[in-house]
Amino acid sequence: MTILFTEPSNDILLILFFLLLVILLFYIFSYKFIRSVLFIFKPETVHHLSFKFLSFIFILPSQLYFWKYFFTVKNNKLKRNIFGINFDNPVGLAAGFDKDAKIFDDLKSFGFGFVEIGTVTPLSQEGNPQPRLFRLKKDKAIINRMGFNNEGVEAIVSRLRRRKSNIIVGGNIGKNKITSNDKAINDYEICFEKLFDYVDYFVVNVSSPNTPGLRELQDKEPLTRLLNRLQELNNLKLKPKPILLKIAPDLTNTHLDDIIKIIAETSLDGVVATNTTISRGNLLTNKDVIEKIGYGGLSGQPLKDRSNEVISYLSHKSNRSFAIIGVGGINSAQDAIDKLNAGADLIQIYSGFIYEGPSLVKKINKELIKL
């Protein structure tokens, strides 16, 4: 019997080479070394390269199991049932990373309990002009003025239809830049209806500082009108889905009191606290550098304390009457624990994922098991 061996194609050899290279990098070097190499390049360039790379390494199903082995922690102590959804663990990836739902399935291999896609708008839009993403390395922070850049709800739904994993997916929805505030409800309605069958919960984003006039929708009257309309649509469904509101950290306590009342009046399931801040206080980065960067939302470590204050205020004032997803400045397991102690039911990371790498999820979950 003659056994024929075929020569592997160049594509397969290339895939194997890169996989071996990544494995060697993780074994030989720390993530800090990899990060220092990546940080040579522009932030948005690294973001796009990271997506291509992650899509590349997850071509082979075996790689999902490989990465799960290193990063996934399973334990009954981590499980949560929040607003009627069962989460394997309370650590999620915040909106803004996988805007267009391109790798949400694969991200489960890094140990996330849930992933939030978006912000999604009805029509595709390029967002604000580049450069629009900036690192503040001394502060472990990021300033962005992306402006809801995304491919539009139809393209995103087409990817969600091909969902392969059981990862919990949140749909963060917003309005297009060209849509005036008096017609904003229409944009949120479109996104809600088109995404309904493909996401597990919704987040209404009216708190990004990078779309002109958007934060005006946080005022009591327009916000109540918007949320009531979404709940009307939700209650027409056979099985309504949780709706949460994402709020800014720059709100005063008076505004937070209004938020608590609005959530009660509209029967909302909870809040995501908090979005990025327009504040530039207590930064280590040189003021001239900050001024040169200009406007945009600040995320990362400097946001930690204010985010915790907002979470604590909402939790105590509302007597824990609604769920809170805590986000902002989580760079360590202790940061995550502080968020939960402040009153968060779940947490999300974004800047911490950039600065600390995927091992941060594992570190947080391992510490939570010990509590």
Foldseek 3Di string as FASTA:
>chain_A
DDDDDDDDDPLVVVLVVVVVVVVCCVVVHPVQVVLVVLVVDDPVVSLVVVLVVLVSNPPDVVSLVVLLVVAADADPLQWDQAPNDIFRHQEEAEEDSQAQQRCQLSCVSLHHRAYEYFQAWAAADQADDPPAWDDPPQQLKIFGLRGRHYHHLVSSLVNLVVRDDPRAYEHEYFYHLPDDLVCGLVGVVNNCVSCVVRHQEYEYEQAFPNRPPSVVCLDLPNVLVSLLVSVVVQVVDPHGHAYEYEHALPDDLVSLVSVLVSCVVSVHQYYEQYDFYQDDPPGPDDPVVVVVSPTGGMFAQVFLVSSLVSQLSNCVVNVNPHAYEGEGHDQALVSVVSSVVSPHPHYYYYSNCSNNNSNRSRRNVVVSVVD
